[in-house]
Protein backbone atom coordinates (compact mmCIF):
# COMPACT_ATOMS: atom_id res chain seq x y z
CA MET A 1 91.27 100.78 108.64
CA THR A 2 92.84 99.37 105.46
CA PRO A 3 90.31 97.89 103.00
CA LEU A 4 90.71 94.22 102.10
CA LEU A 5 90.16 95.16 98.47
CA GLU A 6 90.40 98.58 96.88
CA MET A 7 90.03 99.65 93.26
CA ARG A 8 90.25 103.22 92.01
CA ARG A 9 89.51 104.07 88.36
CA VAL A 10 90.30 100.49 87.21
CA THR A 11 89.74 99.57 83.57
CA VAL A 12 89.83 96.08 82.03
CA VAL A 13 90.17 95.61 78.27
CA ARG A 14 89.18 92.27 76.73
CA GLU A 15 89.44 91.53 73.02
CA GLY A 16 90.02 95.22 72.28
CA ARG A 17 86.89 96.39 74.14
CA ARG A 18 86.54 97.92 77.59
CA ALA A 19 84.83 95.30 79.73
CA LEU A 20 85.08 97.49 82.84
CA ASP A 21 85.78 101.21 82.74
CA GLY A 22 86.76 103.40 85.67
CA VAL A 23 85.56 101.07 88.45
CA ASP A 24 85.79 102.30 92.04
CA LEU A 25 85.28 99.70 94.77
CA ALA A 26 86.41 99.32 98.37
CA ILE A 27 85.53 96.36 100.59
CA GLY A 28 86.38 96.59 104.28
CA PRO A 29 87.34 93.71 106.59
CA ASP A 30 83.87 93.40 108.15
CA GLU A 31 81.80 93.96 105.01
CA ARG A 32 79.84 91.43 102.96
CA VAL A 33 79.22 92.17 99.29
CA ALA A 34 76.82 90.87 96.64
CA ILE A 35 77.48 91.48 92.96
CA LEU A 36 74.26 92.00 91.03
CA GLY A 37 73.61 93.12 87.47
CA ALA A 38 72.16 92.34 84.11
CA ASN A 39 73.72 89.88 81.67
CA GLY A 40 76.81 91.40 80.10
CA SER A 41 77.23 94.06 82.78
CA GLY A 42 80.71 92.87 83.86
CA LYS A 43 80.04 90.71 86.95
CA SER A 44 82.24 87.82 85.79
CA THR A 45 84.93 90.21 84.59
CA LEU A 46 84.96 91.88 88.02
CA LEU A 47 85.33 88.52 89.76
CA LYS A 48 88.12 87.48 87.39
CA LEU A 49 89.87 90.77 88.12
CA ILE A 50 89.62 90.13 91.87
CA THR A 51 90.94 86.56 91.52
CA ARG A 52 93.69 87.82 89.18
CA GLU A 53 92.55 85.78 86.20
CA LEU A 54 92.41 89.16 84.45
CA TYR A 55 94.51 92.26 85.06
CA PRO A 56 93.74 95.97 84.93
CA HIS A 57 94.79 97.93 81.88
CA PRO A 58 98.29 99.35 82.54
CA SER A 59 97.07 102.95 82.24
CA SER A 60 94.20 102.48 84.69
CA GLY A 61 94.18 103.41 88.37
CA ALA A 62 95.07 101.58 91.57
CA PHE A 63 94.21 98.00 92.53
CA ARG A 64 95.16 96.94 96.06
CA ILE A 65 94.59 93.79 98.07
CA PHE A 66 95.24 94.04 101.81
CA GLY A 67 96.68 97.50 101.13
CA ARG A 68 99.37 96.28 98.73
CA ASP A 69 99.75 96.89 95.00
CA ARG A 70 101.77 93.74 94.29
CA TRP A 71 101.45 90.19 95.54
CA GLU A 72 102.71 86.81 94.59
CA VAL A 73 99.48 85.27 93.29
CA SER A 74 100.17 81.81 94.76
CA LYS A 75 100.36 83.36 98.25
CA LEU A 76 96.97 85.04 97.79
CA ARG A 77 95.40 81.82 96.59
CA GLY A 78 96.97 79.82 99.41
CA THR A 79 98.74 77.35 97.12
């Protein structure tokens, strides 16, 4: 079954620093997920990456939503 969201070795760089480094995450269609962590651990950055407010570093790994690498953001957001 294709994951709804899949990240492999994803890195996000903000203001010249790695905010996320080498993240692996897969969320299946019937899964529920909670994001927990200490202040500054990257929770907000992860959510912004998922909502496409931030983008992975070009040299990082794969990021797929509904099994696709590329989407028109307005279609994902339903606007």
